[in-house]
Amino acid sequence: MLVATVPDAFSQLRIDEHSYVVAVARGHVFDEDIVAEALQTPARYIGMIGSRRKADGVLERLRRRGFSEEDLDRIHSPIGLGIGAETVEEIAVSIVAELVAVRREAG
C-alpha cells in the first residue's frame, strides 16, 4: 500500500508505456491531480471515472493549467465500455473490458 500525496505517489511509481492509470478517487477530490500527474508519464492508458459534465470541467481546468489538446486526447472519460452497467460490479467489468480493448489494440 502507498499512502502519499498525488505528486509523491507518482514519484514512487514506475509508470511506462505499458502502464494503465485509472483515476477513481473517493468523491473525485483528487481525480484532476491524478490525471495531471499521469499526463506527465508515458502511460498507455489514462482514464477518469465520472460523468461527461465532470470530465468536461476537469478538461477545461487542465487546459488552463497548460495541457495541450494532444495531452487531453489521451484521457478516457467517462471510462468503461457502454454495456449498460448499473451496479458497482458491472461498472468495474465495463472498465476492465475497456482496458482489455486498449491492450488488444496495442498488440
PDB file of N, CA and C in Angstrom:
ATOM      1  N   MET A   1       0.847  -1.161   0.000  1.00  0.00           N
ATOM      2  CA  MET A   1       0.000   0.000   0.000  1.00  0.00           C
ATOM      3  C   MET A   1       0.902   1.235   0.000  1.00  0.00           C
ATOM      4  N   LEU A   2       0.438   2.258  -0.693  1.00  0.00           N
ATOM      5  CA  LEU A   2       1.178   3.510  -0.785  1.00  0.00           C
ATOM      6  C   LEU A   2       0.281   4.635  -0.287  1.00  0.00           C
ATOM      7  N   VAL A   3       0.722   5.328   0.748  1.00  0.00           N
ATOM      8  CA  VAL A   3      -0.022   6.460   1.276  1.00  0.00           C
ATOM      9  C   VAL A   3       0.854   7.693   1.084  1.00  0.00           C
ATOM     10  N   ALA A   4       0.398   8.606   0.217  1.00  0.00           N
ATOM     11  CA  ALA A   4       1.204   9.781  -0.105  1.00  0.00           C
ATOM     12  C   ALA A   4       0.336  10.797  -0.825  1.00  0.00           C
ATOM     13  N   THR A   5       0.849  11.999  -0.974  1.00  0.00           N
ATOM     14  CA  THR A   5       0.164  12.972  -1.819  1.00  0.00           C
ATOM     15  C   THR A   5       0.236  12.473  -3.254  1.00  0.00           C
ATOM     16  N   VAL A   6      -0.577  13.037  -4.112  1.00  0.00           N
ATOM     17  CA  VAL A   6      -0.586  12.584  -5.509  1.00  0.00           C
ATOM     18  C   VAL A   6       0.803  12.736  -6.138  1.00  0.00           C
ATOM     19  N   PRO A   7       1.451  13.916  -6.073  1.00  0.00           N
ATOM     20  CA  PRO A   7       2.781  14.027  -6.685  1.00  0.00           C
ATOM     21  C   PRO A   7       3.802  13.062  -6.074  1.00  0.00           C
ATOM     22  N   ASP A   8       3.763  12.897  -4.744  1.00  0.00           N
ATOM     23  CA  ASP A   8       4.705  11.974  -4.101  1.00  0.00           C
ATOM     24  C   ASP A   8       4.443  10.533  -4.530  1.00  0.00           C
ATOM     25  N   ALA A   9       3.165  10.170  -4.644  1.00  0.00           N
ATOM     26  CA  ALA A   9       2.830   8.815  -5.082  1.00  0.00           C
ATOM     27  C   ALA A   9       3.375   8.564  -6.486  1.00  0.00           C
ATOM     28  N   PHE A  10       3.171   9.511  -7.391  1.00  0.00           N
ATOM     29  CA  PHE A  10       3.654   9.330  -8.765  1.00  0.00           C
ATOM     30  C   PHE A  10       5.173   9.257  -8.816  1.00  0.00           C
ATOM     31  N   SER A  11       5.849   9.974  -7.927  1.00  0.00           N
ATOM     32  CA  SER A  11       7.318   9.923  -7.928  1.00  0.00           C
ATOM     33  C   SER A  11       7.825   8.561  -7.454  1.00  0.00           C
ATOM     34  N   GLN A  12       6.974   7.808  -6.754  1.00  0.00           N
ATOM     35  CA  GLN A  12       7.368   6.494  -6.241  1.00  0.00           C
ATOM     36  C   GLN A  12       6.936   5.343  -7.152  1.00  0.00           C
ATOM     37  N   LEU A  13       6.146   5.642  -8.149  1.00  0.00           N
ATOM     38  CA  LEU A  13       5.656   4.615  -9.061  1.00  0.00           C
ATOM     39  C   LEU A  13       6.486   4.585 -10.335  1.00  0.00           C
ATOM     40  N   ARG A  14       6.622   3.417 -10.908  1.00  0.00           N
ATOM     41  CA  ARG A  14       7.305   3.285 -12.197  1.00  0.00           C
ATOM     42  C   ARG A  14       6.228   3.132 -13.263  1.00  0.00           C
ATOM     43  N   ILE A  15       5.939   4.216 -13.950  1.00  0.00           N
ATOM     44  CA  ILE A  15       4.902   4.202 -14.981  1.00  0.00           C
ATOM     45  C   ILE A  15       5.576   4.321 -16.335  1.00  0.00           C
ATOM     46  N   ASP A  16       5.317   3.331 -17.189  1.00  0.00           N
ATOM     47  CA  ASP A  16       5.915   3.344 -18.519  1.00  0.00           C
ATOM     48  C   ASP A  16       4.820   3.205 -19.574  1.00  0.00           C
ATOM     49  N   GLU A  17       5.211   2.968 -20.807  1.00  0.00           N
ATOM     50  CA  GLU A  17       4.254   2.905 -21.914  1.00  0.00           C
ATOM     51  C   GLU A  17       3.364   1.671 -21.852  1.00  0.00           C
ATOM     52  N   HIS A  18       3.611   0.792 -20.903  1.00  0.00           N
ATOM     53  CA  HIS A  18       2.769  -0.395 -20.714  1.00  0.00           C
ATOM     54  C   HIS A  18       1.834  -0.234 -19.509  1.00  0.00           C
ATOM     55  N   SER A  19       1.845   0.935 -18.900  1.00  0.00           N
ATOM     56  CA  SER A  19       1.060   1.184 -17.685  1.00  0.00           C
ATOM     57  C   SER A  19      -0.323   1.750 -18.010  1.00  0.00           C
ATOM     58  N   TYR A  20      -1.247   1.456 -17.117  1.00  0.00           N
ATOM     59  CA  TYR A  20      -2.615   1.947 -17.213  1.00  0.00           C
ATOM     60  C   TYR A  20      -2.911   2.690 -15.913  1.00  0.00           C
ATOM     61  N   VAL A  21      -3.338   3.951 -16.018  1.00  0.00           N
ATOM     62  CA  VAL A  21      -3.652   4.763 -14.847  1.00  0.00           C
ATOM     63  C   VAL A  21      -5.141   5.072 -14.885  1.00  0.00           C
ATOM     64  N   VAL A  22      -5.825   4.742 -13.795  1.00  0.00           N
ATOM     65  CA  VAL A  22      -7.260   4.982 -13.701  1.00  0.00           C
ATOM     66  C   VAL A  22      -7.513   5.823 -12.457  1.00  0.00           C
ATOM     67  N   ALA A  23      -8.093   7.008 -12.643  1.00  0.00           N
ATOM     68  CA  ALA A  23      -8.413   7.897 -11.526  1.00  0.00           C
ATOM     69  C   ALA A  23      -9.816   7.579 -11.022  1.00  0.00           C
ATOM     70  N   VAL A  24      -9.867   6.984  -9.853  1.00  0.00           N
ATOM     71  CA  VAL A  24     -11.132   6.634  -9.216  1.00  0.00           C
ATOM     72  C   VAL A  24     -10.971   6.975  -7.733  1.00  0.00           C
ATOM     73  N   ALA A  25     -10.946   8.261  -7.450  1.00  0.00           N
ATOM     74  CA  ALA A  25     -10.744   8.714  -6.070  1.00  0.00           C
ATOM     75  C   ALA A  25     -12.090   8.939  -5.395  1.00  0.00           C
ATOM     76  N   ARG A  26     -12.134   8.685  -4.130  1.00  0.00           N
ATOM     77  CA  ARG A  26     -13.377   8.874  -3.374  1.00  0.00           C
ATOM     78  C   ARG A  26     -13.812  10.329  -3.464  1.00  0.00           C
ATOM     79  N   GLY A  27     -15.024  10.536  -3.933  1.00  0.00           N
ATOM     80  CA  GLY A  27     -15.568  11.888  -4.034  1.00  0.00           C
ATOM     81  C   GLY A  27     -14.940  12.727  -5.136  1.00  0.00           C
ATOM     82  N   HIS A  28     -14.120  12.130  -5.963  1.00  0.00           N
ATOM     83  CA  HIS A  28     -13.485  12.815  -7.104  1.00  0.00           C
ATOM     84  C   HIS A  28     -12.542  13.946  -6.686  1.00  0.00           C
ATOM     85  N   VAL A  29     -12.204  14.035  -5.406  1.00  0.00           N
ATOM     86  CA  VAL A  29     -11.400  15.155  -4.922  1.00  0.00           C
ATOM     87  C   VAL A  29     -10.046  15.228  -5.608  1.00  0.00           C
ATOM     88  N   PHE A  30      -9.421  14.079  -5.862  1.00  0.00           N
ATOM     89  CA  PHE A  30      -8.061  14.076  -6.395  1.00  0.00           C
ATOM     90  C   PHE A  30      -7.974  13.695  -7.872  1.00  0.00           C
ATOM     91  N   ASP A  31      -9.102  13.418  -8.509  1.00  0.00           N
ATOM     92  CA  ASP A  31      -9.067  12.927  -9.886  1.00  0.00           C
ATOM     93  C   ASP A  31      -8.294  13.851 -10.829  1.00  0.00           C
ATOM     94  N   GLU A  32      -8.549  15.149 -10.751  1.00  0.00           N
ATOM     95  CA  GLU A  32      -7.859  16.080 -11.643  1.00  0.00           C
ATOM     96  C   GLU A  32      -6.349  16.034 -11.436  1.00  0.00           C
ATOM     97  N   ASP A  33      -5.913  15.996 -10.190  1.00  0.00           N
ATOM     98  CA  ASP A  33      -4.479  15.940  -9.909  1.00  0.00           C
ATOM     99  C   ASP A  33      -3.868  14.621 -10.361  1.00  0.00           C
ATOM    100  N   ILE A  34      -4.615  13.530 -10.198  1.00  0.00           N
ATOM    101  CA  ILE A  34      -4.125  12.228 -10.654  1.00  0.00           C
ATOM    102  C   ILE A  34      -3.939  12.250 -12.171  1.00  0.00           C
ATOM    103  N   VAL A  35      -4.929  12.764 -12.880  1.00  0.00           N
ATOM    104  CA  VAL A  35      -4.843  12.825 -14.345  1.00  0.00           C
ATOM    105  C   VAL A  35      -3.711  13.750 -14.778  1.00  0.00           C
ATOM    106  N   ALA A  36      -3.562  14.882 -14.116  1.00  0.00           N
ATOM    107  CA  ALA A  36      -2.479  15.817 -14.459  1.00  0.00           C
ATOM    108  C   ALA A  36      -1.115  15.154 -14.290  1.00  0.00           C
ATOM    109  N   GLU A  37      -0.935  14.431 -13.210  1.00  0.00           N
ATOM    110  CA  GLU A  37       0.338  13.718 -12.999  1.00  0.00           C
ATOM    111  C   GLU A  37       0.515  12.619 -14.044  1.00  0.00           C
ATOM    112  N   ALA A  38      -0.556  11.893 -14.338  1.00  0.00           N
ATOM    113  CA  ALA A  38      -0.474  10.806 -15.314  1.00  0.00           C
ATOM    114  C   ALA A  38      -0.106  11.324 -16.696  1.00  0.00           C
ATOM    115  N   LEU A  39      -0.594  12.517 -17.039  1.00  0.00           N
ATOM    116  CA  LEU A  39      -0.272  13.094 -18.353  1.00  0.00           C
ATOM    117  C   LEU A  39       1.214  13.394 -18.509  1.00  0.00           C
ATOM    118  N   GLN A  40       1.924  13.443 -17.413  1.00  0.00           N
ATOM    119  CA  GLN A  40       3.359  13.699 -17.469  1.00  0.00           C
ATOM    120  C   GLN A  40       4.167  12.403 -17.550  1.00  0.00           C
ATOM    121  N   THR A  41       3.469  11.297 -17.760  1.00  0.00           N
ATOM    122  CA  THR A  41       4.110   9.992 -17.900  1.00  0.00           C
ATOM    123  C   THR A  41       3.805   9.444 -19.300  1.00  0.00           C
ATOM    124  N   PRO A  42       4.500   8.385 -19.687  1.00  0.00           N
ATOM    125  CA  PRO A  42       4.192   7.755 -20.981  1.00  0.00           C
ATOM    126  C   PRO A  42       3.111   6.685 -20.888  1.00  0.00           C
ATOM    127  N   ALA A  43       2.273   6.726 -19.860  1.00  0.00           N
ATOM    128  CA  ALA A  43       1.261   5.687 -19.646  1.00  0.00           C
ATOM    129  C   ALA A  43       0.473   5.398 -20.916  1.00  0.00           C
ATOM    130  N   ARG A  44       0.206   4.121 -21.150  1.00  0.00           N
ATOM    131  CA  ARG A  44      -0.561   3.680 -22.324  1.00  0.00           C
ATOM    132  C   ARG A  44      -2.010   4.145 -22.244  1.00  0.00           C
ATOM    133  N   TYR A  45      -2.555   4.154 -21.023  1.00  0.00           N
ATOM    134  CA  TYR A  45      -3.967   4.479 -20.821  1.00  0.00           C
ATOM    135  C   TYR A  45      -4.093   5.383 -19.601  1.00  0.00           C
ATOM    136  N   ILE A  46      -4.868   6.456 -19.751  1.00  0.00           N
ATOM    137  CA  ILE A  46      -5.198   7.338 -18.637  1.00  0.00           C
ATOM    138  C   ILE A  46      -6.707   7.493 -18.649  1.00  0.00           C
ATOM    139  N   GLY A  47      -7.352   7.040 -17.582  1.00  0.00           N
ATOM    140  CA  GLY A  47      -8.802   7.108 -17.516  1.00  0.00           C
ATOM    141  C   GLY A  47      -9.276   7.777 -16.241  1.00  0.00           C
ATOM    142  N   MET A  48     -10.454   8.380 -16.324  1.00  0.00           N
ATOM    143  CA  MET A  48     -11.042   9.053 -15.169  1.00  0.00           C
ATOM    144  C   MET A  48     -12.518   8.718 -15.100  1.00  0.00           C
ATOM    145  N   ILE A  49     -12.951   8.217 -13.958  1.00  0.00           N
ATOM    146  CA  ILE A  49     -14.361   7.882 -13.767  1.00  0.00           C
ATOM    147  C   ILE A  49     -15.158   9.168 -13.576  1.00  0.00           C
ATOM    148  N   GLY A  50     -16.416   9.131 -13.939  1.00  0.00           N
ATOM    149  CA  GLY A  50     -17.283  10.287 -13.709  1.00  0.00           C
ATOM    150  C   GLY A  50     -18.168  10.582 -14.900  1.00  0.00           C
ATOM    151  N   SER A  51     -19.041  11.526 -14.701  1.00  0.00           N
ATOM    152  CA  SER A  51     -19.981  11.922 -15.748  1.00  0.00           C
ATOM    153  C   SER A  51     -19.280  12.744 -16.827  1.00  0.00           C
ATOM    154  N   ARG A  52     -19.942  12.897 -17.957  1.00  0.00           N
ATOM    155  CA  ARG A  52     -19.423  13.738 -19.037  1.00  0.00           C
ATOM    156  C   ARG A  52     -19.257  15.171 -18.527  1.00  0.00           C
ATOM    157  N   ARG A  53     -20.210  15.648 -17.726  1.00  0.00           N
ATOM    158  CA  ARG A  53     -20.140  17.008 -17.179  1.00  0.00           C
ATOM    159  C   ARG A  53     -18.892  17.193 -16.309  1.00  0.00           C
ATOM    160  N   LYS A  54     -18.642  16.217 -15.446  1.00  0.00           N
ATOM    161  CA  LYS A  54     -17.444  16.287 -14.606  1.00  0.00           C
ATOM    162  C   LYS A  54     -16.189  16.268 -15.470  1.00  0.00           C
ATOM    163  N   ALA A  55     -16.160  15.374 -16.454  1.00  0.00           N
ATOM    164  CA  ALA A  55     -14.997  15.272 -17.335  1.00  0.00           C
ATOM    165  C   ALA A  55     -14.752  16.580 -18.072  1.00  0.00           C
ATOM    166  N   ASP A  56     -15.810  17.200 -18.569  1.00  0.00           N
ATOM    167  CA  ASP A  56     -15.659  18.471 -19.280  1.00  0.00           C
ATOM    168  C   ASP A  56     -15.053  19.536 -18.377  1.00  0.00           C
ATOM    169  N   GLY A  57     -15.483  19.586 -17.124  1.00  0.00           N
ATOM    170  CA  GLY A  57     -14.925  20.553 -16.175  1.00  0.00           C
ATOM    171  C   GLY A  57     -13.461  20.300 -15.900  1.00  0.00           C
ATOM    172  N   VAL A  58     -13.102  19.045 -15.714  1.00  0.00           N
ATOM    173  CA  VAL A  58     -11.699  18.702 -15.469  1.00  0.00           C
ATOM    174  C   VAL A  58     -10.857  19.036 -16.687  1.00  0.00           C
ATOM    175  N   LEU A  59     -11.344  18.706 -17.876  1.00  0.00           N
ATOM    176  CA  LEU A  59     -10.588  19.011 -19.098  1.00  0.00           C
ATOM    177  C   LEU A  59     -10.352  20.515 -19.240  1.00  0.00           C
ATOM    178  N   GLU A  60     -11.355  21.314 -18.940  1.00  0.00           N
ATOM    179  CA  GLU A  60     -11.201  22.772 -19.032  1.00  0.00           C
ATOM    180  C   GLU A  60     -10.163  23.266 -18.033  1.00  0.00           C
ATOM    181  N   ARG A  61     -10.192  22.749 -16.821  1.00  0.00           N
ATOM    182  CA  ARG A  61      -9.197  23.177 -15.828  1.00  0.00           C
ATOM    183  C   ARG A  61      -7.791  22.729 -16.228  1.00  0.00           C
ATOM    184  N   LEU A  62      -7.669  21.553 -16.832  1.00  0.00           N
ATOM    185  CA  LEU A  62      -6.362  21.093 -17.302  1.00  0.00           C
ATOM    186  C   LEU A  62      -5.852  21.968 -18.441  1.00  0.00           C
ATOM    187  N   ARG A  63      -6.743  22.429 -19.303  1.00  0.00           N
ATOM    188  CA  ARG A  63      -6.339  23.378 -20.361  1.00  0.00           C
ATOM    189  C   ARG A  63      -5.751  24.636 -19.727  1.00  0.00           C
ATOM    190  N   ARG A  64      -6.438  25.136 -18.727  1.00  0.00           N
ATOM    191  CA  ARG A  64      -5.960  26.351 -18.040  1.00  0.00           C
ATOM    192  C   ARG A  64      -4.629  26.118 -17.333  1.00  0.00           C
ATOM    193  N   ARG A  65      -4.355  24.872 -16.999  1.00  0.00           N
ATOM    194  CA  ARG A  65      -3.075  24.524 -16.372  1.00  0.00           C
ATOM    195  C   ARG A  65      -1.970  24.345 -17.408  1.00  0.00           C
ATOM    196  N   GLY A  66      -2.308  24.472 -18.694  1.00  0.00           N
ATOM    197  CA  GLY A  66      -1.300  24.428 -19.742  1.00  0.00           C
ATOM    198  C   GLY A  66      -1.199  23.133 -20.518  1.00  0.00           C
ATOM    199  N   PHE A  67      -2.104  22.199 -20.286  1.00  0.00           N
ATOM    200  CA  PHE A  67      -2.066  20.961 -21.053  1.00  0.00           C
ATOM    201  C   PHE A  67      -2.654  21.193 -22.437  1.00  0.00           C
ATOM    202  N   SER A  68      -2.026  20.590 -23.433  1.00  0.00           N
ATOM    203  CA  SER A  68      -2.452  20.762 -24.827  1.00  0.00           C
ATOM    204  C   SER A  68      -3.626  19.846 -25.155  1.00  0.00           C
ATOM    205  N   GLU A  69      -4.258  20.095 -26.297  1.00  0.00           N
ATOM    206  CA  GLU A  69      -5.340  19.222 -26.760  1.00  0.00           C
ATOM    207  C   GLU A  69      -4.809  17.812 -27.018  1.00  0.00           C
ATOM    208  N   GLU A  70      -3.581  17.717 -27.490  1.00  0.00           N
ATOM    209  CA  GLU A  70      -2.960  16.401 -27.693  1.00  0.00           C
ATOM    210  C   GLU A  70      -2.848  15.659 -26.364  1.00  0.00           C
ATOM    211  N   ASP A  71      -2.452  16.375 -25.308  1.00  0.00           N
ATOM    212  CA  ASP A  71      -2.403  15.769 -23.977  1.00  0.00           C
ATOM    213  C   ASP A  71      -3.792  15.284 -23.568  1.00  0.00           C
ATOM    214  N   LEU A  72      -4.773  16.160 -23.703  1.00  0.00           N
ATOM    215  CA  LEU A  72      -6.120  15.852 -23.247  1.00  0.00           C
ATOM    216  C   LEU A  72      -6.760  14.712 -24.038  1.00  0.00           C
ATOM    217  N   ASP A  73      -6.343  14.545 -25.285  1.00  0.00           N
ATOM    218  CA  ASP A  73      -6.855  13.449 -26.104  1.00  0.00           C
ATOM    219  C   ASP A  73      -6.438  12.084 -25.559  1.00  0.00           C
ATOM    220  N   ARG A  74      -5.449  12.051 -24.680  1.00  0.00           N
ATOM    221  CA  ARG A  74      -5.006  10.790 -24.077  1.00  0.00           C
ATOM    222  C   ARG A  74      -5.942  10.303 -22.977  1.00  0.00           C
ATOM    223  N   ILE A  75      -6.838  11.175 -22.521  1.00  0.00           N
ATOM    224  CA  ILE A  75      -7.691  10.860 -21.381  1.00  0.00           C
ATOM    225  C   ILE A  75      -8.969  10.165 -21.849  1.00  0.00           C
ATOM    226  N   HIS A  76      -9.260   9.042 -21.232  1.00  0.00           N
ATOM    227  CA  HIS A  76     -10.510   8.321 -21.462  1.00  0.00           C
ATOM    228  C   HIS A  76     -11.464   8.714 -20.340  1.00  0.00           C
ATOM    229  N   SER A  77     -12.570   9.337 -20.688  1.00  0.00           N
ATOM    230  CA  SER A  77     -13.559   9.689 -19.664  1.00  0.00           C
ATOM    231  C   SER A  77     -14.874  10.035 -20.333  1.00  0.00           C
ATOM    232  N   PRO A  78     -15.960   9.547 -19.836  1.00  0.00           N
ATOM    233  CA  PRO A  78     -16.023   8.578 -18.743  1.00  0.00           C
ATOM    234  C   PRO A  78     -15.430   7.244 -19.166  1.00  0.00           C
ATOM    235  N   ILE A  79     -14.940   6.505 -18.196  1.00  0.00           N
ATOM    236  CA  ILE A  79     -14.278   5.237 -18.504  1.00  0.00           C
ATOM    237  C   ILE A  79     -15.280   4.093 -18.546  1.00  0.00           C
ATOM    238  N   GLY A  80     -14.863   3.049 -19.235  1.00  0.00           N
ATOM    239  CA  GLY A  80     -15.683   1.845 -19.332  1.00  0.00           C
ATOM    240  C   GLY A  80     -16.389   1.749 -20.669  1.00  0.00           C
ATOM    241  N   LEU A  81     -16.615   0.535 -21.104  1.00  0.00           N
ATOM    242  CA  LEU A  81     -17.366   0.305 -22.334  1.00  0.00           C
ATOM    243  C   LEU A  81     -18.855   0.457 -22.060  1.00  0.00           C
ATOM    244  N   GLY A  82     -19.590   0.895 -23.064  1.00  0.00           N
ATOM    245  CA  GLY A  82     -21.022   1.109 -22.918  1.00  0.00           C
ATOM    246  C   GLY A  82     -21.797  -0.195 -22.953  1.00  0.00           C
ATOM    247  N   ILE A  83     -21.841  -0.882 -21.817  1.00  0.00           N
ATOM    248  CA  ILE A  83     -22.542  -2.164 -21.750  1.00  0.00           C
ATOM    249  C   ILE A  83     -23.831  -2.065 -20.926  1.00  0.00           C
ATOM    250  N   GLY A  84     -24.216  -0.836 -20.586  1.00  0.00           N
ATOM    251  CA  GLY A  84     -25.425  -0.657 -19.791  1.00  0.00           C
ATOM    252  C   GLY A  84     -25.223  -0.972 -18.325  1.00  0.00           C
ATOM    253  N   ALA A  85     -23.992  -0.867 -17.853  1.00  0.00           N
ATOM    254  CA  ALA A  85     -23.667  -1.194 -16.463  1.00  0.00           C
ATOM    255  C   ALA A  85     -24.420  -0.283 -15.497  1.00  0.00           C
ATOM    256  N   GLU A  86     -24.921  -0.890 -14.420  1.00  0.00           N
ATOM    257  CA  GLU A  86     -25.628  -0.132 -13.391  1.00  0.00           C
ATOM    258  C   GLU A  86     -25.034  -0.347 -12.001  1.00  0.00           C
ATOM    259  N   THR A  87     -24.665  -1.569 -11.668  1.00  0.00           N
ATOM    260  CA  THR A  87     -24.125  -1.844 -10.339  1.00  0.00           C
ATOM    261  C   THR A  87     -22.627  -1.558 -10.313  1.00  0.00           C
ATOM    262  N   VAL A  88     -22.085  -1.461  -9.112  1.00  0.00           N
ATOM    263  CA  VAL A  88     -20.640  -1.238  -8.968  1.00  0.00           C
ATOM    264  C   VAL A  88     -19.867  -2.346  -9.667  1.00  0.00           C
ATOM    265  N   GLU A  89     -20.323  -3.572  -9.488  1.00  0.00           N
ATOM    266  CA  GLU A  89     -19.636  -4.710 -10.106  1.00  0.00           C
ATOM    267  C   GLU A  89     -19.678  -4.628 -11.627  1.00  0.00           C
ATOM    268  N   GLU A  90     -20.823  -4.257 -12.171  1.00  0.00           N
ATOM    269  CA  GLU A  90     -20.950  -4.135 -13.625  1.00  0.00           C
ATOM    270  C   GLU A  90     -20.095  -2.994 -14.156  1.00  0.00           C
ATOM    271  N   ILE A  91     -20.033  -1.901 -13.427  1.00  0.00           N
ATOM    272  CA  ILE A  91     -19.176  -0.774 -13.831  1.00  0.00           C
ATOM    273  C   ILE A  91     -17.720  -1.215 -13.839  1.00  0.00           C
ATOM    274  N   ALA A  92     -17.313  -1.975 -12.823  1.00  0.00           N
ATOM    275  CA  ALA A  92     -15.940  -2.487 -12.781  1.00  0.00           C
ATOM    276  C   ALA A  92     -15.650  -3.367 -13.994  1.00  0.00           C
ATOM    277  N   VAL A  93     -16.596  -4.225 -14.356  1.00  0.00           N
ATOM    278  CA  VAL A  93     -16.415  -5.080 -15.533  1.00  0.00           C
ATOM    279  C   VAL A  93     -16.284  -4.232 -16.793  1.00  0.00           C
ATOM    280  N   SER A  94     -17.091  -3.177 -16.924  1.00  0.00           N
ATOM    281  CA  SER A  94     -17.020  -2.334 -18.117  1.00  0.00           C
ATOM    282  C   SER A  94     -15.676  -1.611 -18.213  1.00  0.00           C
ATOM    283  N   ILE A  95     -15.122  -1.219 -17.061  1.00  0.00           N
ATOM    284  CA  ILE A  95     -13.813  -0.551 -17.044  1.00  0.00           C
ATOM    285  C   ILE A  95     -12.722  -1.532 -17.454  1.00  0.00           C
ATOM    286  N   VAL A  96     -12.732  -2.708 -16.855  1.00  0.00           N
ATOM    287  CA  VAL A  96     -11.719  -3.709 -17.197  1.00  0.00           C
ATOM    288  C   VAL A  96     -11.841  -4.109 -18.664  1.00  0.00           C
ATOM    289  N   ALA A  97     -13.060  -4.196 -19.176  1.00  0.00           N
ATOM    290  CA  ALA A  97     -13.257  -4.518 -20.595  1.00  0.00           C
ATOM    291  C   ALA A  97     -12.609  -3.460 -21.482  1.00  0.00           C
ATOM    292  N   GLU A  98     -12.731  -2.183 -21.100  1.00  0.00           N
ATOM    293  CA  GLU A  98     -12.086  -1.126 -21.881  1.00  0.00           C
ATOM    294  C   GLU A  98     -10.571  -1.262 -21.825  1.00  0.00           C
ATOM    295  N   LEU A  99     -10.033  -1.598 -20.663  1.00  0.00           N
ATOM    296  CA  LEU A  99      -8.583  -1.786 -20.541  1.00  0.00           C
ATOM    297  C   LEU A  99      -8.111  -2.929 -21.430  1.00  0.00           C
ATOM    298  N   VAL A 100      -8.869  -4.010 -21.477  1.00  0.00           N
ATOM    299  CA  VAL A 100      -8.522  -5.139 -22.347  1.00  0.00           C
ATOM    300  C   VAL A 100      -8.579  -4.701 -23.809  1.00  0.00           C
ATOM    301  N   ALA A 101      -9.604  -3.936 -24.178  1.00  0.00           N
ATOM    302  CA  ALA A 101      -9.727  -3.463 -25.561  1.00  0.00           C
ATOM    303  C   ALA A 101      -8.532  -2.597 -25.950  1.00  0.00           C
ATOM    304  N   VAL A 102      -8.114  -1.719 -25.065  1.00  0.00           N
ATOM    305  CA  VAL A 102      -6.946  -0.861 -25.340  1.00  0.00           C
ATOM    306  C   VAL A 102      -5.699  -1.710 -25.459  1.00  0.00           C
ATOM    307  N   ARG A 103      -5.567  -2.697 -24.581  1.00  0.00           N
ATOM    308  CA  ARG A 103      -4.400  -3.585 -24.620  1.00  0.00           C
ATOM    309  C   ARG A 103      -4.343  -4.341 -25.932  1.00  0.00           C
ATOM    310  N   ARG A 104      -5.474  -4.853 -26.372  1.00  0.00           N
ATOM    311  CA  ARG A 104      -5.514  -5.617 -27.616  1.00  0.00           C
ATOM    312  C   ARG A 104      -5.252  -4.737 -28.837  1.00  0.00           C
ATOM    313  N   GLU A 105      -5.698  -3.487 -28.800  1.00  0.00           N
ATOM    314  CA  GLU A 105      -5.400  -2.547 -29.898  1.00  0.00           C
ATOM    315  C   GLU A 105      -3.903  -2.338 -30.019  1.00  0.00           C
ATOM    316  N   ALA A 106      -3.205  -2.329 -28.887  1.00  0.00           N
ATOM    317  CA  ALA A 106      -1.761  -2.099 -28.884  1.00  0.00           C
ATOM    318  C   ALA A 106      -1.002  -3.304 -29.425  1.00  0.00           C
ATOM    319  N   GLY A 107      -1.591  -4.499 -29.314  1.00  0.00           N
ATOM    320  CA  GLY A 107      -0.894  -5.731 -29.675  1.00  0.00           C
ATOM    321  C   GLY A 107      -0.872  -5.973 -31.130  1.00  0.00           C
TER     322      GLY A 107
END
